[in-house]
């Protein structure tokens, strides 16, 4: 049986991903291009960190069809296999949704020439989308 990793809370996952993303800086002489490239890179970094973390959680859980009957019954008795499967499915859905939100916002930022739009996406819009997932 594989070892299940320590599961971080949603706030810890978000804090970790945003902390890593905030360190990214892309150099460019033109301010708008620098802002655009840096924002897009930070979005990708945050989304990739969240995606990798959640994918690791989903893949580390054992397949309940393949575990010995004793462990299946024990898991079902203590937590409920259906509940575990539903939670893992929700986690996988959230992972995919974060990637969709990141791709959508990243492409909007890459196409934008408006600094205020980029700043607004960077400060409020994108992070609220991530948190609501």
N, C-alpha and C. Protein backbone atom coordinates (compact mmCIF):
# COMPACT_ATOMS: atom_id res chain seq x y z
N UNK A 1 0.83 -1.18 0.00
CA UNK A 1 0.00 0.00 0.00
C UNK A 1 0.88 1.24 0.00
N UNK A 2 0.49 2.24 -0.79
CA UNK A 2 1.28 3.47 -0.86
C UNK A 2 0.95 4.38 0.31
N UNK A 3 1.90 5.23 0.63
CA UNK A 3 1.72 6.14 1.75
C UNK A 3 1.00 7.40 1.26
N UNK A 4 -0.06 7.77 1.96
CA UNK A 4 -0.83 8.96 1.61
C UNK A 4 -0.13 10.17 2.22
N UNK A 5 0.12 11.22 1.42
CA UNK A 5 0.83 12.38 1.95
C UNK A 5 -0.04 13.19 2.91
N UNK A 6 0.59 14.06 3.66
CA UNK A 6 -0.14 14.98 4.53
C UNK A 6 -0.90 15.95 3.64
N UNK A 7 -2.18 16.09 3.90
CA UNK A 7 -3.03 16.93 3.06
C UNK A 7 -3.04 18.35 3.62
N UNK A 8 -2.67 19.31 2.78
CA UNK A 8 -2.70 20.71 3.19
C UNK A 8 -4.12 21.25 3.07
N UNK A 9 -4.44 22.25 3.86
CA UNK A 9 -5.75 22.89 3.74
C UNK A 9 -5.79 23.74 2.48
N UNK A 10 -6.98 24.14 2.09
CA UNK A 10 -7.10 24.96 0.88
C UNK A 10 -6.34 26.28 1.02
N UNK A 11 -6.38 26.88 2.19
CA UNK A 11 -5.65 28.13 2.41
C UNK A 11 -4.14 27.92 2.30
N UNK A 12 -3.65 26.80 2.80
CA UNK A 12 -2.22 26.50 2.70
C UNK A 12 -1.80 26.29 1.25
N UNK A 13 -2.62 25.60 0.48
CA UNK A 13 -2.31 25.38 -0.94
C UNK A 13 -2.27 26.71 -1.68
N UNK A 14 -3.26 27.55 -1.45
CA UNK A 14 -3.32 28.86 -2.11
C UNK A 14 -2.15 29.73 -1.68
N UNK A 15 -1.86 29.78 -0.38
CA UNK A 15 -0.74 30.59 0.11
C UNK A 15 0.59 30.13 -0.49
N UNK A 16 0.80 28.83 -0.54
CA UNK A 16 2.04 28.29 -1.10
C UNK A 16 2.17 28.65 -2.57
N UNK A 17 1.10 28.45 -3.33
CA UNK A 17 1.17 28.72 -4.76
C UNK A 17 1.37 30.21 -5.05
N UNK A 18 0.69 31.08 -4.30
CA UNK A 18 0.84 32.51 -4.53
C UNK A 18 2.19 33.02 -4.04
N UNK A 19 2.72 32.43 -2.99
CA UNK A 19 4.04 32.82 -2.51
C UNK A 19 5.09 32.50 -3.57
N UNK A 20 5.00 31.31 -4.16
CA UNK A 20 5.94 30.96 -5.23
C UNK A 20 5.76 31.88 -6.43
N UNK A 21 4.51 32.15 -6.78
CA UNK A 21 4.24 32.98 -7.96
C UNK A 21 4.69 34.42 -7.76
N UNK A 22 4.61 34.93 -6.55
CA UNK A 22 4.97 36.33 -6.31
C UNK A 22 6.46 36.59 -6.50
N UNK A 23 7.27 35.55 -6.48
CA UNK A 23 8.71 35.71 -6.65
C UNK A 23 9.13 35.83 -8.11
N UNK A 24 8.21 35.56 -9.03
CA UNK A 24 8.54 35.57 -10.45
C UNK A 24 8.55 37.00 -10.98
N UNK A 25 9.62 37.33 -11.68
CA UNK A 25 9.73 38.64 -12.34
C UNK A 25 10.35 38.42 -13.71
N UNK A 26 9.72 39.02 -14.71
CA UNK A 26 10.23 38.94 -16.08
C UNK A 26 10.68 40.34 -16.48
N UNK A 27 11.87 40.43 -17.00
CA UNK A 27 12.41 41.74 -17.38
C UNK A 27 12.02 42.09 -18.82
N UNK A 28 11.67 43.35 -19.00
CA UNK A 28 11.40 43.92 -20.31
C UNK A 28 11.52 45.43 -20.17
N UNK A 29 12.02 46.08 -21.20
CA UNK A 29 12.21 47.53 -21.11
C UNK A 29 10.89 48.29 -21.14
N UNK A 30 9.91 47.75 -21.83
CA UNK A 30 8.62 48.42 -21.93
C UNK A 30 7.73 47.95 -20.78
N UNK A 31 7.21 48.92 -20.03
CA UNK A 31 6.48 48.62 -18.80
C UNK A 31 5.27 47.72 -19.04
N UNK A 32 4.48 48.01 -20.05
CA UNK A 32 3.27 47.21 -20.30
C UNK A 32 3.62 45.77 -20.62
N UNK A 33 4.65 45.57 -21.42
CA UNK A 33 5.05 44.20 -21.76
C UNK A 33 5.58 43.46 -20.54
N UNK A 34 6.36 44.17 -19.71
CA UNK A 34 6.89 43.57 -18.49
C UNK A 34 5.74 43.16 -17.56
N UNK A 35 4.78 44.05 -17.40
CA UNK A 35 3.62 43.77 -16.56
C UNK A 35 2.82 42.59 -17.10
N UNK A 36 2.62 42.58 -18.41
CA UNK A 36 1.85 41.51 -19.05
C UNK A 36 2.55 40.16 -18.90
N UNK A 37 3.83 40.12 -19.23
CA UNK A 37 4.59 38.85 -19.16
C UNK A 37 4.71 38.34 -17.72
N UNK A 38 4.98 39.25 -16.79
CA UNK A 38 5.11 38.85 -15.39
C UNK A 38 3.79 38.32 -14.85
N UNK A 39 2.70 39.02 -15.14
CA UNK A 39 1.39 38.58 -14.66
C UNK A 39 1.01 37.22 -15.22
N UNK A 40 1.23 37.02 -16.52
CA UNK A 40 0.91 35.73 -17.14
C UNK A 40 1.77 34.61 -16.55
N UNK A 41 3.05 34.89 -16.32
CA UNK A 41 3.93 33.87 -15.74
C UNK A 41 3.53 33.53 -14.31
N UNK A 42 3.11 34.53 -13.55
CA UNK A 42 2.68 34.29 -12.17
C UNK A 42 1.40 33.46 -12.14
N UNK A 43 0.48 33.76 -13.04
CA UNK A 43 -0.76 32.98 -13.11
C UNK A 43 -0.45 31.53 -13.43
N UNK A 44 0.40 31.31 -14.42
CA UNK A 44 0.78 29.94 -14.79
C UNK A 44 1.46 29.22 -13.65
N UNK A 45 2.34 29.91 -12.95
CA UNK A 45 3.05 29.30 -11.83
C UNK A 45 2.09 28.90 -10.71
N UNK A 46 1.19 29.80 -10.35
CA UNK A 46 0.22 29.50 -9.29
C UNK A 46 -0.66 28.32 -9.69
N UNK A 47 -1.14 28.33 -10.92
CA UNK A 47 -2.01 27.25 -11.39
C UNK A 47 -1.26 25.92 -11.43
N UNK A 48 -0.02 25.94 -11.88
CA UNK A 48 0.76 24.71 -11.95
C UNK A 48 1.05 24.15 -10.56
N UNK A 49 1.32 25.02 -9.60
CA UNK A 49 1.56 24.56 -8.23
C UNK A 49 0.31 23.92 -7.65
N UNK A 50 -0.83 24.57 -7.83
CA UNK A 50 -2.09 24.02 -7.34
C UNK A 50 -2.40 22.70 -8.04
N UNK A 51 -2.21 22.68 -9.36
CA UNK A 51 -2.48 21.47 -10.15
C UNK A 51 -1.61 20.31 -9.69
N UNK A 52 -0.32 20.55 -9.53
CA UNK A 52 0.60 19.49 -9.12
C UNK A 52 0.26 18.96 -7.73
N UNK A 53 -0.05 19.87 -6.82
CA UNK A 53 -0.38 19.46 -5.45
C UNK A 53 -1.63 18.60 -5.43
N UNK A 54 -2.68 19.08 -6.09
CA UNK A 54 -3.95 18.34 -6.08
C UNK A 54 -3.86 17.03 -6.84
N UNK A 55 -3.13 17.04 -7.94
CA UNK A 55 -2.96 15.80 -8.71
C UNK A 55 -2.21 14.77 -7.88
N UNK A 56 -1.25 15.22 -7.09
CA UNK A 56 -0.52 14.32 -6.19
C UNK A 56 -1.42 13.70 -5.15
N UNK A 57 -2.35 14.48 -4.62
CA UNK A 57 -3.28 13.95 -3.63
C UNK A 57 -4.19 12.90 -4.24
N UNK A 58 -4.72 13.19 -5.41
CA UNK A 58 -5.65 12.26 -6.06
C UNK A 58 -4.93 10.96 -6.44
N UNK A 59 -3.73 11.08 -7.00
CA UNK A 59 -3.03 9.88 -7.45
C UNK A 59 -2.43 9.06 -6.31
N UNK A 60 -2.20 9.68 -5.15
CA UNK A 60 -1.60 8.94 -4.04
C UNK A 60 -2.61 8.07 -3.30
N UNK A 61 -3.89 8.37 -3.43
CA UNK A 61 -4.89 7.53 -2.77
C UNK A 61 -4.98 6.20 -3.50
N UNK A 62 -5.16 5.14 -2.74
CA UNK A 62 -5.23 3.82 -3.38
C UNK A 62 -6.53 3.65 -4.17
N UNK A 63 -6.46 2.81 -5.17
CA UNK A 63 -7.65 2.43 -5.93
C UNK A 63 -8.41 1.43 -5.06
N UNK A 64 -9.61 1.78 -4.66
CA UNK A 64 -10.34 0.93 -3.72
C UNK A 64 -10.80 -0.39 -4.33
N UNK A 65 -10.74 -0.51 -5.64
CA UNK A 65 -11.07 -1.79 -6.27
C UNK A 65 -9.90 -2.76 -6.16
N UNK A 66 -8.69 -2.22 -5.93
CA UNK A 66 -7.50 -3.06 -5.91
C UNK A 66 -6.97 -3.34 -4.50
N UNK A 67 -7.49 -2.68 -3.49
CA UNK A 67 -6.98 -2.90 -2.13
C UNK A 67 -7.57 -4.18 -1.55
N UNK A 68 -6.85 -4.80 -0.62
CA UNK A 68 -7.41 -5.99 0.04
C UNK A 68 -8.73 -5.66 0.73
N UNK A 69 -9.56 -6.66 0.82
CA UNK A 69 -10.91 -6.49 1.36
C UNK A 69 -10.89 -5.90 2.78
N UNK A 70 -9.92 -6.31 3.60
CA UNK A 70 -9.83 -5.79 4.96
C UNK A 70 -9.70 -4.27 4.96
N UNK A 71 -8.79 -3.74 4.14
CA UNK A 71 -8.57 -2.30 4.09
C UNK A 71 -9.77 -1.57 3.50
N UNK A 72 -10.42 -2.21 2.54
CA UNK A 72 -11.62 -1.63 1.95
C UNK A 72 -12.71 -1.49 3.02
N UNK A 73 -12.94 -2.57 3.76
CA UNK A 73 -13.97 -2.56 4.80
C UNK A 73 -13.63 -1.56 5.91
N UNK A 74 -12.36 -1.51 6.28
CA UNK A 74 -11.92 -0.58 7.32
C UNK A 74 -12.14 0.87 6.87
N UNK A 75 -11.76 1.17 5.65
CA UNK A 75 -11.96 2.53 5.11
C UNK A 75 -13.43 2.87 5.02
N UNK A 76 -14.22 1.89 4.60
CA UNK A 76 -15.66 2.11 4.47
C UNK A 76 -16.29 2.34 5.84
N UNK A 77 -15.83 1.62 6.83
CA UNK A 77 -16.37 1.74 8.17
C UNK A 77 -15.98 3.07 8.83
N UNK A 78 -14.70 3.44 8.71
CA UNK A 78 -14.22 4.64 9.37
C UNK A 78 -14.67 5.94 8.68
N UNK A 79 -14.56 5.97 7.37
CA UNK A 79 -14.83 7.21 6.64
C UNK A 79 -15.98 7.05 5.66
N UNK A 80 -15.97 5.94 4.97
CA UNK A 80 -16.95 5.71 3.91
C UNK A 80 -16.27 5.83 2.57
N UNK A 81 -16.20 4.74 1.84
CA UNK A 81 -15.51 4.73 0.55
C UNK A 81 -16.21 5.68 -0.43
N UNK A 82 -17.53 5.71 -0.39
CA UNK A 82 -18.26 6.62 -1.27
C UNK A 82 -17.92 8.07 -1.00
N UNK A 83 -17.78 8.40 0.26
CA UNK A 83 -17.43 9.76 0.66
C UNK A 83 -16.01 10.12 0.18
N UNK A 84 -15.10 9.16 0.30
CA UNK A 84 -13.72 9.38 -0.15
C UNK A 84 -13.69 9.59 -1.65
N UNK A 85 -14.40 8.72 -2.39
CA UNK A 85 -14.42 8.85 -3.86
C UNK A 85 -15.03 10.18 -4.29
N UNK A 86 -16.08 10.60 -3.61
CA UNK A 86 -16.73 11.87 -3.94
C UNK A 86 -15.78 13.04 -3.67
N UNK A 87 -15.07 12.98 -2.56
CA UNK A 87 -14.12 14.04 -2.23
C UNK A 87 -12.97 14.10 -3.22
N UNK A 88 -12.46 12.94 -3.62
CA UNK A 88 -11.38 12.90 -4.60
C UNK A 88 -11.85 13.41 -5.95
N UNK A 89 -13.09 13.09 -6.31
CA UNK A 89 -13.66 13.60 -7.55
C UNK A 89 -13.81 15.12 -7.51
N UNK A 90 -14.23 15.64 -6.37
CA UNK A 90 -14.34 17.09 -6.21
C UNK A 90 -12.99 17.77 -6.28
N UNK A 91 -11.99 17.14 -5.72
CA UNK A 91 -10.64 17.67 -5.76
C UNK A 91 -10.12 17.71 -7.19
N UNK A 92 -10.39 16.65 -7.94
CA UNK A 92 -9.96 16.60 -9.34
C UNK A 92 -10.70 17.65 -10.17
N UNK A 93 -11.99 17.83 -9.89
CA UNK A 93 -12.77 18.85 -10.59
C UNK A 93 -12.19 20.23 -10.31
N UNK A 94 -11.86 20.50 -9.06
CA UNK A 94 -11.31 21.80 -8.68
C UNK A 94 -9.97 22.03 -9.37
N UNK A 95 -9.16 21.01 -9.46
CA UNK A 95 -7.86 21.11 -10.14
C UNK A 95 -8.04 21.51 -11.59
N UNK A 96 -8.98 20.86 -12.26
CA UNK A 96 -9.24 21.17 -13.68
C UNK A 96 -9.82 22.57 -13.83
N UNK A 97 -10.67 22.97 -12.89
CA UNK A 97 -11.28 24.29 -12.95
C UNK A 97 -10.24 25.39 -12.75
N UNK A 98 -9.30 25.17 -11.85
CA UNK A 98 -8.22 26.13 -11.64
C UNK A 98 -7.42 26.31 -12.92
N UNK A 99 -7.12 25.22 -13.61
CA UNK A 99 -6.38 25.29 -14.87
C UNK A 99 -7.17 26.08 -15.92
N UNK A 100 -8.49 25.84 -16.00
CA UNK A 100 -9.32 26.57 -16.97
C UNK A 100 -9.32 28.07 -16.66
N UNK A 101 -9.51 28.41 -15.40
CA UNK A 101 -9.53 29.82 -14.98
C UNK A 101 -8.19 30.47 -15.30
N UNK A 102 -7.11 29.78 -14.99
CA UNK A 102 -5.77 30.33 -15.23
C UNK A 102 -5.53 30.53 -16.72
N UNK A 103 -5.90 29.55 -17.53
CA UNK A 103 -5.70 29.68 -18.98
C UNK A 103 -6.52 30.84 -19.55
N UNK A 104 -7.76 30.96 -19.09
CA UNK A 104 -8.63 32.04 -19.58
C UNK A 104 -8.06 33.40 -19.20
N UNK A 105 -7.71 33.57 -17.94
CA UNK A 105 -7.18 34.86 -17.48
C UNK A 105 -5.81 35.18 -18.06
N UNK A 106 -4.99 34.16 -18.21
CA UNK A 106 -3.67 34.36 -18.78
C UNK A 106 -3.78 34.83 -20.23
N UNK A 107 -4.67 34.21 -20.99
CA UNK A 107 -4.82 34.63 -22.39
C UNK A 107 -5.41 36.03 -22.48
N UNK A 108 -6.32 36.40 -21.56
CA UNK A 108 -6.86 37.76 -21.55
C UNK A 108 -5.77 38.78 -21.24
N UNK A 109 -4.91 38.45 -20.31
CA UNK A 109 -3.83 39.36 -19.94
C UNK A 109 -2.82 39.48 -21.08
N UNK A 110 -2.51 38.38 -21.74
CA UNK A 110 -1.54 38.41 -22.84
C UNK A 110 -2.03 39.26 -24.00
N UNK A 111 -3.35 39.30 -24.21
CA UNK A 111 -3.90 40.08 -25.32
C UNK A 111 -4.13 41.54 -24.95
N UNK A 112 -4.19 41.84 -23.69
CA UNK A 112 -4.55 43.18 -23.24
C UNK A 112 -3.39 44.16 -23.39
N UNK A 113 -3.76 45.40 -23.72
CA UNK A 113 -2.78 46.49 -23.76
C UNK A 113 -3.10 47.52 -22.68
N UNK A 114 -4.14 47.25 -21.91
CA UNK A 114 -4.60 48.17 -20.89
C UNK A 114 -3.98 47.79 -19.54
N UNK A 115 -3.18 48.69 -18.99
CA UNK A 115 -2.51 48.41 -17.72
C UNK A 115 -3.50 48.24 -16.57
N UNK A 116 -4.56 49.04 -16.58
CA UNK A 116 -5.55 48.96 -15.50
C UNK A 116 -6.26 47.61 -15.51
N UNK A 117 -6.55 47.10 -16.69
CA UNK A 117 -7.18 45.79 -16.80
C UNK A 117 -6.27 44.71 -16.22
N UNK A 118 -5.00 44.78 -16.58
CA UNK A 118 -4.02 43.79 -16.09
C UNK A 118 -3.89 43.89 -14.57
N UNK A 119 -3.79 45.11 -14.06
CA UNK A 119 -3.69 45.30 -12.61
C UNK A 119 -4.94 44.79 -11.90
N UNK A 120 -6.10 45.05 -12.48
CA UNK A 120 -7.36 44.59 -11.89
C UNK A 120 -7.42 43.07 -11.85
N UNK A 121 -7.04 42.42 -12.93
CA UNK A 121 -7.01 40.95 -12.97
C UNK A 121 -6.02 40.41 -11.96
N UNK A 122 -4.88 41.08 -11.89
CA UNK A 122 -3.83 40.62 -11.00
C UNK A 122 -4.23 40.78 -9.53
N UNK A 123 -4.84 41.90 -9.19
CA UNK A 123 -5.14 42.18 -7.79
C UNK A 123 -6.40 41.52 -7.29
N UNK A 124 -7.44 41.51 -8.07
CA UNK A 124 -8.72 41.05 -7.53
C UNK A 124 -9.38 39.93 -8.28
N UNK A 125 -9.55 40.09 -9.56
CA UNK A 125 -10.38 39.17 -10.32
C UNK A 125 -9.91 37.73 -10.33
N UNK A 126 -8.67 37.52 -10.64
CA UNK A 126 -8.15 36.15 -10.76
C UNK A 126 -8.13 35.45 -9.41
N UNK A 127 -7.65 36.11 -8.39
CA UNK A 127 -7.52 35.46 -7.08
C UNK A 127 -8.89 35.08 -6.52
N UNK A 128 -9.88 35.94 -6.76
CA UNK A 128 -11.23 35.61 -6.30
C UNK A 128 -11.77 34.39 -7.04
N UNK A 129 -11.45 34.28 -8.34
CA UNK A 129 -11.87 33.09 -9.10
C UNK A 129 -11.24 31.83 -8.52
N UNK A 130 -9.95 31.90 -8.18
CA UNK A 130 -9.28 30.74 -7.60
C UNK A 130 -9.89 30.35 -6.26
N UNK A 131 -10.12 31.35 -5.42
CA UNK A 131 -10.61 31.08 -4.07
C UNK A 131 -12.03 30.52 -4.10
N UNK A 132 -12.85 30.96 -5.04
CA UNK A 132 -14.24 30.49 -5.10
C UNK A 132 -14.33 29.04 -5.56
N UNK A 133 -13.28 28.51 -6.18
CA UNK A 133 -13.27 27.12 -6.62
C UNK A 133 -13.37 26.24 -5.42
